[in-house]
Amino acid sequence: MNIQFKKGVLNLCVLVLLDKQDRYGYELVQKISDQISISEGSVYPLLRRLTKEGYFTTYLQESTEGPPRKYYKLTDAGREYLHEQLDEWRSFTDGVNKLIEEGVRHD
Protein backbone atom coordinates (compact mmCIF):
# COMPACT_ATOMS: atom_id res chain seq x y z
CA MET A 1 0.00 0.00 0.00
CA ASN A 2 1.16 3.52 -0.74
CA ILE A 3 3.11 4.88 2.25
CA GLN A 4 1.46 8.29 1.94
CA PHE A 5 -1.98 6.69 2.30
CA LYS A 6 -0.84 5.06 5.52
CA LYS A 7 0.70 8.23 6.96
CA GLY A 8 -2.48 10.16 6.31
CA VAL A 9 -4.76 7.65 7.96
CA LEU A 10 -2.61 6.51 10.89
CA ASN A 11 -3.58 9.54 12.96
CA LEU A 12 -7.25 8.70 12.57
CA CYS A 13 -6.72 5.00 13.32
CA VAL A 14 -4.99 5.78 16.63
CA LEU A 15 -7.71 8.24 17.65
CA VAL A 16 -10.51 5.80 16.82
CA LEU A 17 -8.89 2.96 18.76
CA LEU A 18 -8.35 5.14 21.82
CA ASP A 19 -11.94 6.34 21.72
CA LYS A 20 -13.07 2.81 22.62
CA GLN A 21 -10.53 2.13 25.38
CA ASP A 22 -7.15 3.12 26.77
CA ARG A 23 -4.30 1.22 25.13
CA TYR A 24 -0.53 0.99 25.31
CA GLY A 25 1.69 1.70 22.30
CA TYR A 26 2.49 -1.84 21.23
CA GLU A 27 -1.18 -2.81 21.55
CA LEU A 28 -2.07 0.03 19.15
CA VAL A 29 0.59 -1.13 16.71
CA GLN A 30 -0.76 -4.69 16.81
CA LYS A 31 -4.39 -3.63 16.40
CA ILE A 32 -3.61 -1.38 13.42
CA SER A 33 -1.28 -4.00 11.90
CA ASP A 34 -4.18 -6.46 11.86
CA GLN A 35 -5.73 -4.27 9.13
CA ILE A 36 -2.88 -2.22 7.65
CA SER A 37 0.77 -3.14 7.34
CA ILE A 38 2.69 -0.56 9.40
CA SER A 39 6.03 -0.37 11.15
CA GLU A 40 6.11 -0.13 14.92
CA GLY A 41 8.27 2.97 14.67
CA SER A 42 5.58 4.94 12.86
CA VAL A 43 3.16 4.98 15.80
CA TYR A 44 5.34 6.21 18.67
CA PRO A 45 6.24 9.64 17.22
CA LEU A 46 2.54 10.14 16.50
CA LEU A 47 1.64 9.24 20.10
CA ARG A 48 4.23 11.68 21.45
CA ARG A 49 2.98 14.48 19.20
CA LEU A 50 -0.71 13.96 19.99
CA THR A 51 0.05 13.74 23.72
CA LYS A 52 2.03 16.98 23.53
CA GLU A 53 -0.90 18.61 21.72
CA GLY A 54 -3.22 17.63 24.59
CA TYR A 55 -5.26 14.96 22.80
CA PHE A 56 -4.05 12.15 25.08
CA THR A 57 -2.96 11.76 28.65
CA THR A 58 -0.74 8.89 29.76
CA TYR A 59 -0.40 6.70 32.81
CA LEU A 60 1.66 3.68 33.80
CA GLN A 61 0.06 0.37 34.63
CA GLU A 62 1.80 -2.71 35.99
CA SER A 63 2.11 -5.65 33.62
CA THR A 64 2.41 -9.34 34.42
CA GLU A 65 4.64 -9.71 31.35
CA GLY A 66 7.44 -7.27 32.18
CA PRO A 67 7.85 -3.63 33.13
CA PRO A 68 4.91 -1.25 33.61
CA ARG A 69 3.19 -0.20 30.37
CA LYS A 70 2.47 3.36 29.33
CA TYR A 71 -1.21 3.67 28.48
CA TYR A 72 -2.73 6.43 26.37
CA LYS A 73 -6.12 7.88 27.21
CA LEU A 74 -8.13 10.15 24.92
CA THR A 75 -8.93 13.55 26.47
CA ASP A 76 -12.06 15.60 25.82
CA ALA A 77 -10.00 17.70 23.40
CA GLY A 78 -8.86 14.46 21.75
CA ARG A 79 -12.43 13.26 21.35
CA GLU A 80 -13.38 16.59 19.75
CA TYR A 81 -10.36 16.33 17.45
CA LEU A 82 -11.38 12.77 16.55
CA HIS A 83 -14.82 13.92 15.43
CA GLU A 84 -13.30 16.73 13.35
CA GLN A 85 -10.95 14.21 11.73
CA LEU A 86 -13.83 11.79 11.06
CA ASP A 87 -15.82 14.55 9.34
CA GLU A 88 -12.81 15.44 7.20
CA TRP A 89 -12.16 11.76 6.41
CA ARG A 90 -15.76 11.16 5.30
CA SER A 91 -15.74 14.24 3.10
CA PHE A 92 -12.39 13.27 1.59
CA THR A 93 -13.29 9.62 0.93
CA ASP A 94 -16.68 10.59 -0.51
CA GLY A 95 -14.95 12.90 -2.98
CA VAL A 96 -12.32 10.33 -3.93
CA ASN A 97 -14.94 7.59 -4.33
CA LYS A 98 -17.01 9.81 -6.62
CA LEU A 99 -13.96 10.51 -8.79
CA ILE A 100 -13.12 6.81 -8.94
CA GLU A 101 -16.67 5.89 -9.91
CA GLU A 102 -16.66 8.51 -12.68
CA GLY A 103 -13.25 7.36 -13.88
CA VAL A 104 -14.00 3.66 -14.08
CA ARG A 105 -17.53 3.92 -15.38
CA HIS A 106 -18.03 1.86 -18.52
CA ASP A 107 -20.87 3.68 -20.28
PDB file of N, CA and C in Angstrom:
ATOM      1  N   MET A   1       0.842  -1.180   0.000  1.00  0.00           N
ATOM      2  CA  MET A   1       0.000   0.000   0.000  1.00  0.00           C
ATOM      3  C   MET A   1       0.890   1.247   0.000  1.00  0.00           C
ATOM      4  N   ASN A   2       0.440   2.258  -0.651  1.00  0.00           N
ATOM      5  CA  ASN A   2       1.157   3.518  -0.741  1.00  0.00           C
ATOM      6  C   ASN A   2       1.442   4.067   0.656  1.00  0.00           C
ATOM      7  N   ILE A   3       2.694   4.405   0.926  1.00  0.00           N
ATOM      8  CA  ILE A   3       3.109   4.881   2.251  1.00  0.00           C
ATOM      9  C   ILE A   3       2.416   6.186   2.627  1.00  0.00           C
ATOM     10  N   GLN A   4       2.134   7.021   1.647  1.00  0.00           N
ATOM     11  CA  GLN A   4       1.462   8.292   1.940  1.00  0.00           C
ATOM     12  C   GLN A   4       0.019   8.062   2.384  1.00  0.00           C
ATOM     13  N   PHE A   5      -0.636   7.051   1.836  1.00  0.00           N
ATOM     14  CA  PHE A   5      -1.985   6.695   2.296  1.00  0.00           C
ATOM     15  C   PHE A   5      -1.935   6.341   3.775  1.00  0.00           C
ATOM     16  N   LYS A   6      -0.960   5.521   4.132  1.00  0.00           N
ATOM     17  CA  LYS A   6      -0.836   5.064   5.518  1.00  0.00           C
ATOM     18  C   LYS A   6      -0.570   6.216   6.472  1.00  0.00           C
ATOM     19  N   LYS A   7       0.372   7.101   6.096  1.00  0.00           N
ATOM     20  CA  LYS A   7       0.705   8.230   6.957  1.00  0.00           C
ATOM     21  C   LYS A   7      -0.521   9.086   7.218  1.00  0.00           C
ATOM     22  N   GLY A   8      -1.306   9.308   6.181  1.00  0.00           N
ATOM     23  CA  GLY A   8      -2.476  10.161   6.309  1.00  0.00           C
ATOM     24  C   GLY A   8      -3.560   9.579   7.198  1.00  0.00           C
ATOM     25  N   VAL A   9      -3.667   8.284   7.233  1.00  0.00           N
ATOM     26  CA  VAL A   9      -4.764   7.646   7.956  1.00  0.00           C
ATOM     27  C   VAL A   9      -4.363   7.141   9.353  1.00  0.00           C
ATOM     28  N   LEU A  10      -3.086   7.038   9.620  1.00  0.00           N
ATOM     29  CA  LEU A  10      -2.609   6.505  10.886  1.00  0.00           C
ATOM     30  C   LEU A  10      -3.105   7.329  12.075  1.00  0.00           C
ATOM     31  N   ASN A  11      -3.073   8.625  11.937  1.00  0.00           N
ATOM     32  CA  ASN A  11      -3.579   9.541  12.961  1.00  0.00           C
ATOM     33  C   ASN A  11      -5.011   9.177  13.347  1.00  0.00           C
ATOM     34  N   LEU A  12      -5.841   9.013  12.344  1.00  0.00           N
ATOM     35  CA  LEU A  12      -7.251   8.696  12.568  1.00  0.00           C
ATOM     36  C   LEU A  12      -7.417   7.319  13.204  1.00  0.00           C
ATOM     37  N   CYS A  13      -6.637   6.350  12.760  1.00  0.00           N
ATOM     38  CA  CYS A  13      -6.718   4.996  13.323  1.00  0.00           C
ATOM     39  C   CYS A  13      -6.414   5.000  14.820  1.00  0.00           C
ATOM     40  N   VAL A  14      -5.373   5.708  15.212  1.00  0.00           N
ATOM     41  CA  VAL A  14      -4.992   5.777  16.627  1.00  0.00           C
ATOM     42  C   VAL A  14      -6.103   6.441  17.435  1.00  0.00           C
ATOM     43  N   LEU A  15      -6.635   7.535  16.939  1.00  0.00           N
ATOM     44  CA  LEU A  15      -7.712   8.241  17.651  1.00  0.00           C
ATOM     45  C   LEU A  15      -8.939   7.346  17.825  1.00  0.00           C
ATOM     46  N   VAL A  16      -9.330   6.668  16.772  1.00  0.00           N
ATOM     47  CA  VAL A  16     -10.509   5.801  16.821  1.00  0.00           C
ATOM     48  C   VAL A  16     -10.324   4.674  17.833  1.00  0.00           C
ATOM     49  N   LEU A  17      -9.142   4.057  17.819  1.00  0.00           N
ATOM     50  CA  LEU A  17      -8.894   2.960  18.756  1.00  0.00           C
ATOM     51  C   LEU A  17      -8.890   3.432  20.208  1.00  0.00           C
ATOM     52  N   LEU A  18      -8.379   4.632  20.448  1.00  0.00           N
ATOM     53  CA  LEU A  18      -8.345   5.141  21.821  1.00  0.00           C
ATOM     54  C   LEU A  18      -9.696   5.679  22.271  1.00  0.00           C
ATOM     55  N   ASP A  19     -10.592   5.904  21.352  1.00  0.00           N
ATOM     56  CA  ASP A  19     -11.940   6.341  21.721  1.00  0.00           C
ATOM     57  C   ASP A  19     -12.685   5.206  22.426  1.00  0.00           C
ATOM     58  N   LYS A  20     -12.396   3.975  22.036  1.00  0.00           N
ATOM     59  CA  LYS A  20     -13.070   2.813  22.621  1.00  0.00           C
ATOM     60  C   LYS A  20     -12.506   2.451  23.984  1.00  0.00           C
ATOM     61  N   GLN A  21     -11.162   2.498  24.112  1.00  0.00           N
ATOM     62  CA  GLN A  21     -10.534   2.131  25.382  1.00  0.00           C
ATOM     63  C   GLN A  21      -9.093   2.613  25.409  1.00  0.00           C
ATOM     64  N   ASP A  22      -8.557   2.769  26.608  1.00  0.00           N
ATOM     65  CA  ASP A  22      -7.149   3.124  26.775  1.00  0.00           C
ATOM     66  C   ASP A  22      -6.310   1.952  26.271  1.00  0.00           C
ATOM     67  N   ARG A  23      -5.179   2.273  25.666  1.00  0.00           N
ATOM     68  CA  ARG A  23      -4.302   1.224  25.134  1.00  0.00           C
ATOM     69  C   ARG A  23      -2.850   1.658  25.296  1.00  0.00           C
ATOM     70  N   TYR A  24      -1.954   0.682  25.308  1.00  0.00           N
ATOM     71  CA  TYR A  24      -0.526   0.994  25.313  1.00  0.00           C
ATOM     72  C   TYR A  24      -0.011   0.937  23.881  1.00  0.00           C
ATOM     73  N   GLY A  25       1.159   1.517  23.653  1.00  0.00           N
ATOM     74  CA  GLY A  25       1.689   1.696  22.300  1.00  0.00           C
ATOM     75  C   GLY A  25       1.744   0.439  21.460  1.00  0.00           C
ATOM     76  N   TYR A  26       2.340  -0.617  22.015  1.00  0.00           N
ATOM     77  CA  TYR A  26       2.490  -1.839  21.231  1.00  0.00           C
ATOM     78  C   TYR A  26       1.132  -2.449  20.894  1.00  0.00           C
ATOM     79  N   GLU A  27       0.181  -2.315  21.792  1.00  0.00           N
ATOM     80  CA  GLU A  27      -1.180  -2.808  21.546  1.00  0.00           C
ATOM     81  C   GLU A  27      -1.803  -2.063  20.364  1.00  0.00           C
ATOM     82  N   LEU A  28      -1.573  -0.761  20.290  1.00  0.00           N
ATOM     83  CA  LEU A  28      -2.069   0.031  19.152  1.00  0.00           C
ATOM     84  C   LEU A  28      -1.426  -0.441  17.850  1.00  0.00           C
ATOM     85  N   VAL A  29      -0.130  -0.648  17.900  1.00  0.00           N
ATOM     86  CA  VAL A  29       0.590  -1.127  16.710  1.00  0.00           C
ATOM     87  C   VAL A  29      -0.007  -2.447  16.230  1.00  0.00           C
ATOM     88  N   GLN A  30      -0.215  -3.376  17.158  1.00  0.00           N
ATOM     89  CA  GLN A  30      -0.758  -4.691  16.808  1.00  0.00           C
ATOM     90  C   GLN A  30      -2.160  -4.577  16.214  1.00  0.00           C
ATOM     91  N   LYS A  31      -2.997  -3.787  16.846  1.00  0.00           N
ATOM     92  CA  LYS A  31      -4.391  -3.628  16.399  1.00  0.00           C
ATOM     93  C   LYS A  31      -4.441  -3.027  14.984  1.00  0.00           C
ATOM     94  N   ILE A  32      -3.636  -2.005  14.748  1.00  0.00           N
ATOM     95  CA  ILE A  32      -3.606  -1.379  13.422  1.00  0.00           C
ATOM     96  C   ILE A  32      -3.007  -2.345  12.400  1.00  0.00           C
ATOM     97  N   SER A  33      -1.957  -3.052  12.805  1.00  0.00           N
ATOM     98  CA  SER A  33      -1.284  -4.004  11.900  1.00  0.00           C
ATOM     99  C   SER A  33      -2.190  -5.152  11.478  1.00  0.00           C
ATOM    100  N   ASP A  34      -3.215  -5.425  12.261  1.00  0.00           N
ATOM    101  CA  ASP A  34      -4.185  -6.455  11.861  1.00  0.00           C
ATOM    102  C   ASP A  34      -4.915  -6.066  10.574  1.00  0.00           C
ATOM    103  N   GLN A  35      -4.996  -4.765  10.307  1.00  0.00           N
ATOM    104  CA  GLN A  35      -5.730  -4.275   9.135  1.00  0.00           C
ATOM    105  C   GLN A  35      -4.825  -3.646   8.073  1.00  0.00           C
ATOM    106  N   ILE A  36      -3.776  -2.963   8.539  1.00  0.00           N
ATOM    107  CA  ILE A  36      -2.883  -2.217   7.648  1.00  0.00           C
ATOM    108  C   ILE A  36      -1.451  -2.554   8.024  1.00  0.00           C
ATOM    109  N   SER A  37      -0.629  -2.848   7.064  1.00  0.00           N
ATOM    110  CA  SER A  37       0.774  -3.144   7.343  1.00  0.00           C
ATOM    111  C   SER A  37       1.511  -1.849   7.688  1.00  0.00           C
ATOM    112  N   ILE A  38       1.951  -1.744   8.954  1.00  0.00           N
ATOM    113  CA  ILE A  38       2.692  -0.557   9.399  1.00  0.00           C
ATOM    114  C   ILE A  38       3.926  -1.003  10.170  1.00  0.00           C
ATOM    115  N   SER A  39       4.859  -0.082  10.325  1.00  0.00           N
ATOM    116  CA  SER A  39       6.026  -0.374  11.154  1.00  0.00           C
ATOM    117  C   SER A  39       5.760   0.163  12.553  1.00  0.00           C
ATOM    118  N   GLU A  40       6.290  -0.529  13.530  1.00  0.00           N
ATOM    119  CA  GLU A  40       6.106  -0.134  14.925  1.00  0.00           C
ATOM    120  C   GLU A  40       6.594   1.297  15.151  1.00  0.00           C
ATOM    121  N   GLY A  41       7.679   1.650  14.492  1.00  0.00           N
ATOM    122  CA  GLY A  41       8.274   2.971  14.672  1.00  0.00           C
ATOM    123  C   GLY A  41       7.437   4.116  14.162  1.00  0.00           C
ATOM    124  N   SER A  42       6.412   3.847  13.387  1.00  0.00           N
ATOM    125  CA  SER A  42       5.584   4.937  12.857  1.00  0.00           C
ATOM    126  C   SER A  42       4.542   5.428  13.864  1.00  0.00           C
ATOM    127  N   VAL A  43       4.221   4.625  14.855  1.00  0.00           N
ATOM    128  CA  VAL A  43       3.159   4.982  15.799  1.00  0.00           C
ATOM    129  C   VAL A  43       3.672   5.831  16.960  1.00  0.00           C
ATOM    130  N   TYR A  44       4.860   5.529  17.467  1.00  0.00           N
ATOM    131  CA  TYR A  44       5.343   6.211  18.673  1.00  0.00           C
ATOM    132  C   TYR A  44       5.569   7.713  18.502  1.00  0.00           C
ATOM    133  N   PRO A  45       6.140   8.181  17.393  1.00  0.00           N
ATOM    134  CA  PRO A  45       6.245   9.645  17.219  1.00  0.00           C
ATOM    135  C   PRO A  45       4.865  10.310  17.177  1.00  0.00           C
ATOM    136  N   LEU A  46       3.914   9.634  16.574  1.00  0.00           N
ATOM    137  CA  LEU A  46       2.543  10.143  16.505  1.00  0.00           C
ATOM    138  C   LEU A  46       1.942  10.239  17.910  1.00  0.00           C
ATOM    139  N   LEU A  47       2.147   9.217  18.728  1.00  0.00           N
ATOM    140  CA  LEU A  47       1.639   9.235  20.105  1.00  0.00           C
ATOM    141  C   LEU A  47       2.266  10.378  20.900  1.00  0.00           C
ATOM    142  N   ARG A  48       3.563  10.582  20.736  1.00  0.00           N
ATOM    143  CA  ARG A  48       4.229  11.684  21.448  1.00  0.00           C
ATOM    144  C   ARG A  48       3.663  13.032  21.019  1.00  0.00           C
ATOM    145  N   ARG A  49       3.480  13.205  19.717  1.00  0.00           N
ATOM    146  CA  ARG A  49       2.979  14.483  19.205  1.00  0.00           C
ATOM    147  C   ARG A  49       1.559  14.758  19.695  1.00  0.00           C
ATOM    148  N   LEU A  50       0.684  13.755  19.591  1.00  0.00           N
ATOM    149  CA  LEU A  50      -0.709  13.962  19.990  1.00  0.00           C
ATOM    150  C   LEU A  50      -0.845  14.145  21.501  1.00  0.00           C
ATOM    151  N   THR A  51       0.049  13.531  22.263  1.00  0.00           N
ATOM    152  CA  THR A  51       0.055  13.740  23.715  1.00  0.00           C
ATOM    153  C   THR A  51       0.483  15.169  24.011  1.00  0.00           C
ATOM    154  N   LYS A  52       1.526  15.614  23.340  1.00  0.00           N
ATOM    155  CA  LYS A  52       2.031  16.980  23.526  1.00  0.00           C
ATOM    156  C   LYS A  52       0.969  18.018  23.161  1.00  0.00           C
ATOM    157  N   GLU A  53       0.158  17.699  22.163  1.00  0.00           N
ATOM    158  CA  GLU A  53      -0.898  18.614  21.716  1.00  0.00           C
ATOM    159  C   GLU A  53      -2.138  18.558  22.613  1.00  0.00           C
ATOM    160  N   GLY A  54      -2.126  17.677  23.619  1.00  0.00           N
ATOM    161  CA  GLY A  54      -3.222  17.626  24.589  1.00  0.00           C
ATOM    162  C   GLY A  54      -4.370  16.703  24.225  1.00  0.00           C
ATOM    163  N   TYR A  55      -4.187  15.859  23.220  1.00  0.00           N
ATOM    164  CA  TYR A  55      -5.260  14.960  22.803  1.00  0.00           C
ATOM    165  C   TYR A  55      -5.274  13.665  23.602  1.00  0.00           C
ATOM    166  N   PHE A  56      -4.154  13.337  24.234  1.00  0.00           N
ATOM    167  CA  PHE A  56      -4.048  12.151  25.084  1.00  0.00           C
ATOM    168  C   PHE A  56      -3.426  12.535  26.408  1.00  0.00           C
ATOM    169  N   THR A  57      -3.735  11.747  27.423  1.00  0.00           N
ATOM    170  CA  THR A  57      -2.961  11.755  28.651  1.00  0.00           C
ATOM    171  C   THR A  57      -2.353  10.356  28.746  1.00  0.00           C
ATOM    172  N   THR A  58      -1.374  10.196  29.607  1.00  0.00           N
ATOM    173  CA  THR A  58      -0.736   8.893  29.759  1.00  0.00           C
ATOM    174  C   THR A  58      -0.681   8.505  31.227  1.00  0.00           C
ATOM    175  N   TYR A  59      -0.606   7.223  31.459  1.00  0.00           N
ATOM    176  CA  TYR A  59      -0.403   6.703  32.806  1.00  0.00           C
ATOM    177  C   TYR A  59       0.286   5.353  32.702  1.00  0.00           C
ATOM    178  N   LEU A  60       0.981   4.976  33.763  1.00  0.00           N
ATOM    179  CA  LEU A  60       1.665   3.677  33.800  1.00  0.00           C
ATOM    180  C   LEU A  60       0.791   2.667  34.517  1.00  0.00           C
ATOM    181  N   GLN A  61       0.801   1.459  34.005  1.00  0.00           N
ATOM    182  CA  GLN A  61       0.059   0.366  34.629  1.00  0.00           C
ATOM    183  C   GLN A  61       0.959  -0.861  34.681  1.00  0.00           C
ATOM    184  N   GLU A  62       0.980  -1.507  35.821  1.00  0.00           N
ATOM    185  CA  GLU A  62       1.796  -2.706  35.988  1.00  0.00           C
ATOM    186  C   GLU A  62       1.378  -3.777  34.979  1.00  0.00           C
ATOM    187  N   SER A  63       2.357  -4.566  34.566  1.00  0.00           N
ATOM    188  CA  SER A  63       2.115  -5.647  33.617  1.00  0.00           C
ATOM    189  C   SER A  63       2.647  -6.946  34.206  1.00  0.00           C
ATOM    190  N   THR A  64       1.944  -8.029  33.961  1.00  0.00           N
ATOM    191  CA  THR A  64       2.413  -9.343  34.415  1.00  0.00           C
ATOM    192  C   THR A  64       3.510  -9.873  33.498  1.00  0.00           C
ATOM    193  N   GLU A  65       3.693  -9.231  32.356  1.00  0.00           N
ATOM    194  CA  GLU A  65       4.643  -9.713  31.348  1.00  0.00           C
ATOM    195  C   GLU A  65       5.882  -8.834  31.221  1.00  0.00           C
ATOM    196  N   GLY A  66       6.246  -8.105  32.261  1.00  0.00           N
ATOM    197  CA  GLY A  66       7.436  -7.266  32.177  1.00  0.00           C
ATOM    198  C   GLY A  66       7.241  -5.961  32.917  1.00  0.00           C
ATOM    199  N   PRO A  67       7.940  -4.921  32.452  1.00  0.00           N
ATOM    200  CA  PRO A  67       7.855  -3.626  33.131  1.00  0.00           C
ATOM    201  C   PRO A  67       6.475  -2.989  32.962  1.00  0.00           C
ATOM    202  N   PRO A  68       6.190  -1.947  33.756  1.00  0.00           N
ATOM    203  CA  PRO A  68       4.905  -1.253  33.607  1.00  0.00           C
ATOM    204  C   PRO A  68       4.732  -0.729  32.174  1.00  0.00           C
ATOM    205  N   ARG A  69       3.490  -0.679  31.725  1.00  0.00           N
ATOM    206  CA  ARG A  69       3.194  -0.197  30.372  1.00  0.00           C
ATOM    207  C   ARG A  69       2.620   1.217  30.437  1.00  0.00           C
ATOM    208  N   LYS A  70       2.988   1.997  29.441  1.00  0.00           N
ATOM    209  CA  LYS A  70       2.473   3.358  29.332  1.00  0.00           C
ATOM    210  C   LYS A  70       1.187   3.312  28.507  1.00  0.00           C
ATOM    211  N   TYR A  71       0.087   3.655  29.145  1.00  0.00           N
ATOM    212  CA  TYR A  71      -1.212   3.671  28.476  1.00  0.00           C
ATOM    213  C   TYR A  71      -1.555   5.082  28.028  1.00  0.00           C
ATOM    214  N   TYR A  72      -2.277   5.158  26.925  1.00  0.00           N
ATOM    215  CA  TYR A  72      -2.732   6.427  26.366  1.00  0.00           C
ATOM    216  C   TYR A  72      -4.241   6.502  26.522  1.00  0.00           C
ATOM    217  N   LYS A  73      -4.701   7.655  26.969  1.00  0.00           N
ATOM    218  CA  LYS A  73      -6.125   7.878  27.210  1.00  0.00           C
ATOM    219  C   LYS A  73      -6.547   9.129  26.447  1.00  0.00           C
ATOM    220  N   LEU A  74      -7.617   9.025  25.698  1.00  0.00           N
ATOM    221  CA  LEU A  74      -8.131  10.150  24.925  1.00  0.00           C
ATOM    222  C   LEU A  74      -8.726  11.197  25.869  1.00  0.00           C
ATOM    223  N   THR A  75      -8.367  12.459  25.671  1.00  0.00           N
ATOM    224  CA  THR A  75      -8.927  13.551  26.471  1.00  0.00           C
ATOM    225  C   THR A  75     -10.194  14.069  25.794  1.00  0.00           C
ATOM    226  N   ASP A  76     -10.882  14.972  26.442  1.00  0.00           N
ATOM    227  CA  ASP A  76     -12.061  15.596  25.818  1.00  0.00           C
ATOM    228  C   ASP A  76     -11.651  16.334  24.547  1.00  0.00           C
ATOM    229  N   ALA A  77     -10.509  17.008  24.595  1.00  0.00           N
ATOM    230  CA  ALA A  77     -10.002  17.702  23.396  1.00  0.00           C
ATOM    231  C   ALA A  77      -9.684  16.681  22.299  1.00  0.00           C
ATOM    232  N   GLY A  78      -9.161  15.524  22.699  1.00  0.00           N
ATOM    233  CA  GLY A  78      -8.860  14.464  21.746  1.00  0.00           C
ATOM    234  C   GLY A  78     -10.115  13.905  21.092  1.00  0.00           C
ATOM    235  N   ARG A  79     -11.159  13.776  21.880  1.00  0.00           N
ATOM    236  CA  ARG A  79     -12.427  13.264  21.346  1.00  0.00           C
ATOM    237  C   ARG A  79     -13.023  14.269  20.344  1.00  0.00           C
ATOM    238  N   GLU A  80     -12.904  15.545  20.665  1.00  0.00           N
ATOM    239  CA  GLU A  80     -13.376  16.587  19.752  1.00  0.00           C
ATOM    240  C   GLU A  80     -12.560  16.556  18.454  1.00  0.00           C
ATOM    241  N   TYR A  81     -11.254  16.423  18.601  1.00  0.00           N
ATOM    242  CA  TYR A  81     -10.357  16.334  17.451  1.00  0.00           C
ATOM    243  C   TYR A  81     -10.683  15.098  16.607  1.00  0.00           C
ATOM    244  N   LEU A  82     -10.978  13.988  17.252  1.00  0.00           N
ATOM    245  CA  LEU A  82     -11.376  12.765  16.547  1.00  0.00           C
ATOM    246  C   LEU A  82     -12.595  13.021  15.674  1.00  0.00           C
ATOM    247  N   HIS A  83     -13.604  13.674  16.214  1.00  0.00           N
ATOM    248  CA  HIS A  83     -14.823  13.919  15.432  1.00  0.00           C
ATOM    249  C   HIS A  83     -14.571  14.873  14.267  1.00  0.00           C
ATOM    250  N   GLU A  84     -13.685  15.846  14.469  1.00  0.00           N
ATOM    251  CA  GLU A  84     -13.299  16.728  13.353  1.00  0.00           C
ATOM    252  C   GLU A  84     -12.606  15.914  12.263  1.00  0.00           C
ATOM    253  N   GLN A  85     -11.684  15.043  12.682  1.00  0.00           N
ATOM    254  CA  GLN A  85     -10.953  14.210  11.734  1.00  0.00           C
ATOM    255  C   GLN A  85     -11.885  13.247  10.990  1.00  0.00           C
ATOM    256  N   LEU A  86     -12.858  12.683  11.699  1.00  0.00           N
ATOM    257  CA  LEU A  86     -13.827  11.787  11.056  1.00  0.00           C
ATOM    258  C   LEU A  86     -14.643  12.520  10.006  1.00  0.00           C
ATOM    259  N   ASP A  87     -15.072  13.749  10.317  1.00  0.00           N
ATOM    260  CA  ASP A  87     -15.822  14.546   9.341  1.00  0.00           C
ATOM    261  C   ASP A  87     -14.973  14.806   8.097  1.00  0.00           C
ATOM    262  N   GLU A  88     -13.704  15.181   8.321  1.00  0.00           N
ATOM    263  CA  GLU A  88     -12.809  15.437   7.197  1.00  0.00           C
ATOM    264  C   GLU A  88     -12.579  14.164   6.384  1.00  0.00           C
ATOM    265  N   TRP A  89     -12.399  13.038   7.082  1.00  0.00           N
ATOM    266  CA  TRP A  89     -12.165  11.756   6.408  1.00  0.00           C
ATOM    267  C   TRP A  89     -13.349  11.388   5.525  1.00  0.00           C
ATOM    268  N   ARG A  90     -14.543  11.510   6.070  1.00  0.00           N
ATOM    269  CA  ARG A  90     -15.755  11.158   5.297  1.00  0.00           C
ATOM    270  C   ARG A  90     -15.895  12.041   4.066  1.00  0.00           C
ATOM    271  N   SER A  91     -15.652  13.323   4.231  1.00  0.00           N
ATOM    272  CA  SER A  91     -15.739  14.239   3.097  1.00  0.00           C
ATOM    273  C   SER A  91     -14.690  13.894   2.044  1.00  0.00           C
ATOM    274  N   PHE A  92     -13.481  13.618   2.496  1.00  0.00           N
ATOM    275  CA  PHE A  92     -12.387  13.271   1.594  1.00  0.00           C
ATOM    276  C   PHE A  92     -12.671  11.970   0.847  1.00  0.00           C
ATOM    277  N   THR A  93     -13.052  10.918   1.575  1.00  0.00           N
ATOM    278  CA  THR A  93     -13.286   9.620   0.929  1.00  0.00           C
ATOM    279  C   THR A  93     -14.514   9.663   0.015  1.00  0.00           C
ATOM    280  N   ASP A  94     -15.526  10.440   0.380  1.00  0.00           N
ATOM    281  CA  ASP A  94     -16.684  10.590  -0.510  1.00  0.00           C
ATOM    282  C   ASP A  94     -16.251  11.198  -1.837  1.00  0.00           C
ATOM    283  N   GLY A  95     -15.426  12.242  -1.763  1.00  0.00           N
ATOM    284  CA  GLY A  95     -14.947  12.902  -2.979  1.00  0.00           C
ATOM    285  C   GLY A  95     -14.096  11.971  -3.829  1.00  0.00           C
ATOM    286  N   VAL A  96     -13.181  11.259  -3.199  1.00  0.00           N
ATOM    287  CA  VAL A  96     -12.317  10.327  -3.927  1.00  0.00           C
ATOM    288  C   VAL A  96     -13.149   9.211  -4.559  1.00  0.00           C
ATOM    289  N   ASN A  97     -14.090   8.662  -3.798  1.00  0.00           N
ATOM    290  CA  ASN A  97     -14.937   7.589  -4.330  1.00  0.00           C
ATOM    291  C   ASN A  97     -15.763   8.049  -5.524  1.00  0.00           C
ATOM    292  N   LYS A  98     -16.255   9.277  -5.483  1.00  0.00           N
ATOM    293  CA  LYS A  98     -17.013   9.806  -6.625  1.00  0.00           C
ATOM    294  C   LYS A  98     -16.124   9.917  -7.854  1.00  0.00           C
ATOM    295  N   LEU A  99     -14.895  10.399  -7.665  1.00  0.00           N
ATOM    296  CA  LEU A  99     -13.964  10.507  -8.793  1.00  0.00           C
ATOM    297  C   LEU A  99     -13.627   9.133  -9.359  1.00  0.00           C
ATOM    298  N   ILE A 100     -13.425   8.173  -8.487  1.00  0.00           N
ATOM    299  CA  ILE A 100     -13.120   6.810  -8.937  1.00  0.00           C
ATOM    300  C   ILE A 100     -14.287   6.238  -9.726  1.00  0.00           C
ATOM    301  N   GLU A 101     -15.491   6.405  -9.219  1.00  0.00           N
ATOM    302  CA  GLU A 101     -16.673   5.889  -9.912  1.00  0.00           C
ATOM    303  C   GLU A 101     -16.828   6.517 -11.287  1.00  0.00           C
ATOM    304  N   GLU A 102     -16.578   7.826 -11.378  1.00  0.00           N
ATOM    305  CA  GLU A 102     -16.660   8.511 -12.680  1.00  0.00           C
ATOM    306  C   GLU A 102     -15.579   8.003 -13.621  1.00  0.00           C
ATOM    307  N   GLY A 103     -14.387   7.769 -13.068  1.00  0.00           N
ATOM    308  CA  GLY A 103     -13.253   7.363 -13.882  1.00  0.00           C
ATOM    309  C   GLY A 103     -13.324   5.939 -14.387  1.00  0.00           C
ATOM    310  N   VAL A 104     -13.963   5.048 -13.671  1.00  0.00           N
ATOM    311  CA  VAL A 104     -13.999   3.656 -14.079  1.00  0.00           C
ATOM    312  C   VAL A 104     -15.354   3.245 -14.637  1.00  0.00           C
ATOM    313  N   ARG A 105     -16.214   4.207 -14.827  1.00  0.00           N
ATOM    314  CA  ARG A 105     -17.530   3.921 -15.383  1.00  0.00           C
ATOM    315  C   ARG A 105     -17.396   3.449 -16.829  1.00  0.00           C
ATOM    316  N   HIS A 106     -18.070   2.404 -17.156  1.00  0.00           N
ATOM    317  CA  HIS A 106     -18.029   1.864 -18.519  1.00  0.00           C
ATOM    318  C   HIS A 106     -19.387   2.098 -19.180  1.00  0.00           C
ATOM    319  N   ASP A 107     -19.577   3.311 -19.670  1.00  0.00           N
ATOM    320  CA  ASP A 107     -20.874   3.678 -20.277  1.00  0.00           C
ATOM    321  C   ASP A 107     -21.102   2.975 -21.583  1.00  0.00           C
TER     322      ASP A 107
END
